[in-house]
């Protein structure tokens, strides 16, 4: 199983926690270039996974609001 496969099975909370751990490892320093690149690759996968979950959640909320007749169009911003 690849790391990408593992990430796809993670919840949003698990992904954020793993991403935070990777950032801490990078910030601590003392790692070689290969490990830094590996961390970066994993972080990008995790970030993309989190973005996908948030996008899906936003669409779900919009469908709920539409079905209840309370839809007010506003762009949700996640920065």
N, C-alpha and C. Protein backbone atom coordinates (compact mmCIF):
# COMPACT_ATOMS: atom_id res chain seq x y z
N UNK A 1 0.85 -1.18 0.00
CA UNK A 1 0.00 0.00 0.00
C UNK A 1 0.89 1.25 0.00
N UNK A 2 0.56 2.19 -0.85
CA UNK A 2 1.33 3.42 -0.94
C UNK A 2 0.87 4.41 0.14
N UNK A 3 1.68 5.43 0.33
CA UNK A 3 1.31 6.45 1.30
C UNK A 3 0.05 7.17 0.85
N UNK A 4 -0.10 7.37 -0.45
CA UNK A 4 -1.31 8.01 -0.98
C UNK A 4 -2.56 7.20 -0.63
N UNK A 5 -2.45 5.88 -0.69
CA UNK A 5 -3.58 5.02 -0.31
C UNK A 5 -3.90 5.18 1.17
N UNK A 6 -2.86 5.28 2.00
CA UNK A 6 -3.07 5.47 3.44
C UNK A 6 -3.78 6.79 3.70
N UNK A 7 -3.34 7.83 3.01
CA UNK A 7 -3.92 9.16 3.20
C UNK A 7 -5.40 9.16 2.83
N UNK A 8 -5.75 8.49 1.74
CA UNK A 8 -7.14 8.44 1.30
C UNK A 8 -8.07 7.84 2.34
N UNK A 9 -7.54 7.01 3.21
CA UNK A 9 -8.36 6.36 4.25
C UNK A 9 -8.44 7.19 5.52
N UNK A 10 -7.66 8.25 5.61
CA UNK A 10 -7.62 9.08 6.82
C UNK A 10 -8.83 9.99 6.91
N UNK A 11 -9.24 10.25 8.13
CA UNK A 11 -10.25 11.27 8.36
C UNK A 11 -9.59 12.65 8.25
N UNK A 12 -10.40 13.67 8.24
CA UNK A 12 -9.87 15.03 8.20
C UNK A 12 -8.97 15.28 9.42
N UNK A 13 -9.46 14.87 10.58
CA UNK A 13 -8.71 15.10 11.82
C UNK A 13 -7.38 14.34 11.82
N UNK A 14 -7.39 13.12 11.34
CA UNK A 14 -6.15 12.33 11.26
C UNK A 14 -5.16 12.98 10.30
N UNK A 15 -5.68 13.49 9.20
CA UNK A 15 -4.82 14.13 8.20
C UNK A 15 -4.18 15.39 8.77
N UNK A 16 -4.97 16.20 9.45
CA UNK A 16 -4.44 17.43 10.05
C UNK A 16 -3.37 17.11 11.09
N UNK A 17 -3.63 16.13 11.94
CA UNK A 17 -2.66 15.73 12.98
C UNK A 17 -1.35 15.25 12.34
N UNK A 18 -1.46 14.43 11.31
CA UNK A 18 -0.27 13.93 10.63
C UNK A 18 0.49 15.07 9.97
N UNK A 19 -0.24 15.98 9.36
CA UNK A 19 0.39 17.14 8.73
C UNK A 19 1.11 18.00 9.77
N UNK A 20 0.49 18.21 10.92
CA UNK A 20 1.13 18.97 12.00
C UNK A 20 2.41 18.28 12.47
N UNK A 21 2.37 16.97 12.58
CA UNK A 21 3.56 16.22 13.00
C UNK A 21 4.70 16.36 12.00
N UNK A 22 4.36 16.34 10.71
CA UNK A 22 5.38 16.50 9.68
C UNK A 22 5.99 17.89 9.73
N UNK A 23 5.17 18.90 9.94
CA UNK A 23 5.66 20.27 10.04
C UNK A 23 6.60 20.41 11.23
N UNK A 24 6.23 19.81 12.36
CA UNK A 24 7.09 19.85 13.54
C UNK A 24 8.44 19.22 13.26
N UNK A 25 8.42 18.09 12.54
CA UNK A 25 9.68 17.42 12.22
C UNK A 25 10.56 18.31 11.34
N UNK A 26 9.94 18.97 10.36
CA UNK A 26 10.70 19.88 9.51
C UNK A 26 11.27 21.06 10.30
N UNK A 27 10.42 21.62 11.18
CA UNK A 27 10.84 22.78 11.96
C UNK A 27 11.94 22.45 12.94
N UNK A 28 11.98 21.20 13.42
CA UNK A 28 13.00 20.80 14.38
C UNK A 28 14.39 20.79 13.74
N UNK A 29 14.42 20.60 12.43
CA UNK A 29 15.69 20.61 11.72
C UNK A 29 16.48 19.34 11.95
N UNK A 30 17.71 19.35 11.47
CA UNK A 30 18.60 18.22 11.67
C UNK A 30 18.29 17.02 10.79
N UNK A 31 17.49 17.21 9.74
CA UNK A 31 17.18 16.10 8.85
C UNK A 31 17.84 16.35 7.49
N UNK A 32 18.11 15.27 6.80
CA UNK A 32 18.80 15.42 5.51
C UNK A 32 17.82 15.82 4.41
N UNK A 33 18.38 16.14 3.26
CA UNK A 33 17.58 16.62 2.14
C UNK A 33 16.56 15.58 1.68
N UNK A 34 16.96 14.33 1.59
CA UNK A 34 16.03 13.29 1.15
C UNK A 34 14.82 13.20 2.06
N UNK A 35 15.03 13.24 3.37
CA UNK A 35 13.92 13.18 4.33
C UNK A 35 13.05 14.43 4.21
N UNK A 36 13.67 15.58 4.00
CA UNK A 36 12.91 16.82 3.83
C UNK A 36 11.99 16.74 2.62
N UNK A 37 12.50 16.20 1.53
CA UNK A 37 11.69 16.05 0.32
C UNK A 37 10.57 15.05 0.55
N UNK A 38 10.87 13.96 1.25
CA UNK A 38 9.84 12.96 1.57
C UNK A 38 8.72 13.59 2.40
N UNK A 39 9.10 14.37 3.39
CA UNK A 39 8.11 15.05 4.24
C UNK A 39 7.27 16.00 3.40
N UNK A 40 7.91 16.74 2.51
CA UNK A 40 7.20 17.68 1.66
C UNK A 40 6.18 16.95 0.78
N UNK A 41 6.59 15.83 0.18
CA UNK A 41 5.68 15.05 -0.66
C UNK A 41 4.48 14.56 0.14
N UNK A 42 4.73 14.07 1.34
CA UNK A 42 3.63 13.60 2.19
C UNK A 42 2.71 14.75 2.58
N UNK A 43 3.31 15.89 2.89
CA UNK A 43 2.53 17.06 3.29
C UNK A 43 1.61 17.52 2.16
N UNK A 44 2.09 17.48 0.93
CA UNK A 44 1.27 17.88 -0.21
C UNK A 44 0.08 16.92 -0.36
N UNK A 45 0.33 15.63 -0.22
CA UNK A 45 -0.76 14.65 -0.30
C UNK A 45 -1.80 14.91 0.79
N UNK A 46 -1.33 15.17 1.99
CA UNK A 46 -2.24 15.43 3.11
C UNK A 46 -3.03 16.72 2.90
N UNK A 47 -2.36 17.75 2.44
CA UNK A 47 -3.04 19.02 2.19
C UNK A 47 -4.12 18.85 1.13
N UNK A 48 -3.80 18.14 0.07
CA UNK A 48 -4.78 17.91 -1.00
C UNK A 48 -5.96 17.10 -0.49
N UNK A 49 -5.68 16.13 0.35
CA UNK A 49 -6.74 15.30 0.93
C UNK A 49 -7.66 16.15 1.81
N UNK A 50 -7.08 17.00 2.63
CA UNK A 50 -7.87 17.89 3.49
C UNK A 50 -8.72 18.84 2.64
N UNK A 51 -8.14 19.38 1.58
CA UNK A 51 -8.88 20.29 0.70
C UNK A 51 -10.06 19.56 0.07
N UNK A 52 -9.85 18.32 -0.35
CA UNK A 52 -10.92 17.52 -0.96
C UNK A 52 -12.05 17.30 0.04
N UNK A 53 -11.70 16.96 1.27
CA UNK A 53 -12.71 16.74 2.31
C UNK A 53 -13.49 18.03 2.57
N UNK A 54 -12.79 19.16 2.65
CA UNK A 54 -13.47 20.43 2.89
C UNK A 54 -14.38 20.80 1.73
N UNK A 55 -13.92 20.58 0.50
CA UNK A 55 -14.75 20.87 -0.67
C UNK A 55 -16.01 20.01 -0.67
N UNK A 56 -15.85 18.73 -0.37
CA UNK A 56 -17.01 17.83 -0.31
C UNK A 56 -17.97 18.26 0.80
N UNK A 57 -17.43 18.68 1.92
CA UNK A 57 -18.27 19.14 3.04
C UNK A 57 -19.04 20.39 2.66
N UNK A 58 -18.39 21.29 1.96
CA UNK A 58 -19.05 22.52 1.51
C UNK A 58 -20.21 22.19 0.58
N UNK A 59 -19.99 21.28 -0.37
CA UNK A 59 -21.06 20.88 -1.29
C UNK A 59 -22.22 20.23 -0.53
N UNK A 60 -21.89 19.43 0.45
CA UNK A 60 -22.92 18.77 1.25
C UNK A 60 -23.78 19.78 2.00
N UNK A 61 -23.13 20.76 2.60
CA UNK A 61 -23.84 21.81 3.34
C UNK A 61 -24.74 22.59 2.38
N UNK A 62 -24.25 22.88 1.19
CA UNK A 62 -25.07 23.61 0.23
C UNK A 62 -26.30 22.81 -0.18
N UNK A 63 -26.12 21.49 -0.37
CA UNK A 63 -27.28 20.64 -0.72
C UNK A 63 -28.30 20.63 0.42
N UNK A 64 -27.83 20.56 1.65
CA UNK A 64 -28.73 20.57 2.81
C UNK A 64 -29.50 21.88 2.86
N UNK A 65 -28.79 22.98 2.66
CA UNK A 65 -29.44 24.29 2.71
C UNK A 65 -30.43 24.43 1.57
N UNK A 66 -30.09 23.93 0.38
CA UNK A 66 -31.00 24.00 -0.76
C UNK A 66 -32.27 23.19 -0.50
N UNK A 67 -32.10 22.01 0.08
CA UNK A 67 -33.25 21.15 0.32
C UNK A 67 -34.14 21.68 1.43
N UNK A 68 -33.59 22.49 2.32
CA UNK A 68 -34.40 23.04 3.39
C UNK A 68 -34.96 24.41 3.03
N UNK A 69 -34.58 24.91 1.86
CA UNK A 69 -35.10 26.19 1.40
C UNK A 69 -34.46 27.38 2.08
N UNK A 70 -33.33 27.20 2.70
CA UNK A 70 -32.68 28.31 3.41
C UNK A 70 -31.37 28.71 2.75
N UNK A 71 -31.21 28.39 1.48
CA UNK A 71 -29.94 28.67 0.81
C UNK A 71 -29.75 30.17 0.62
N UNK A 72 -28.67 30.64 1.13
CA UNK A 72 -28.20 32.00 0.88
C UNK A 72 -26.81 31.83 0.28
N UNK A 73 -26.63 32.33 -0.90
CA UNK A 73 -25.37 32.12 -1.60
C UNK A 73 -24.28 32.98 -0.98
N UNK A 74 -23.30 32.33 -0.43
CA UNK A 74 -22.11 32.97 0.12
C UNK A 74 -20.95 32.04 -0.17
N UNK A 75 -19.83 32.61 -0.54
CA UNK A 75 -18.64 31.79 -0.74
C UNK A 75 -18.02 31.49 0.62
N UNK A 76 -17.78 30.21 0.86
CA UNK A 76 -17.08 29.81 2.07
C UNK A 76 -15.60 29.84 1.79
N UNK A 77 -14.84 30.50 2.62
CA UNK A 77 -13.41 30.62 2.42
C UNK A 77 -12.67 29.84 3.49
N UNK A 78 -11.80 28.96 3.06
CA UNK A 78 -10.96 28.19 3.97
C UNK A 78 -9.52 28.53 3.66
N UNK A 79 -8.89 29.29 4.52
CA UNK A 79 -7.49 29.67 4.32
C UNK A 79 -6.63 29.06 5.39
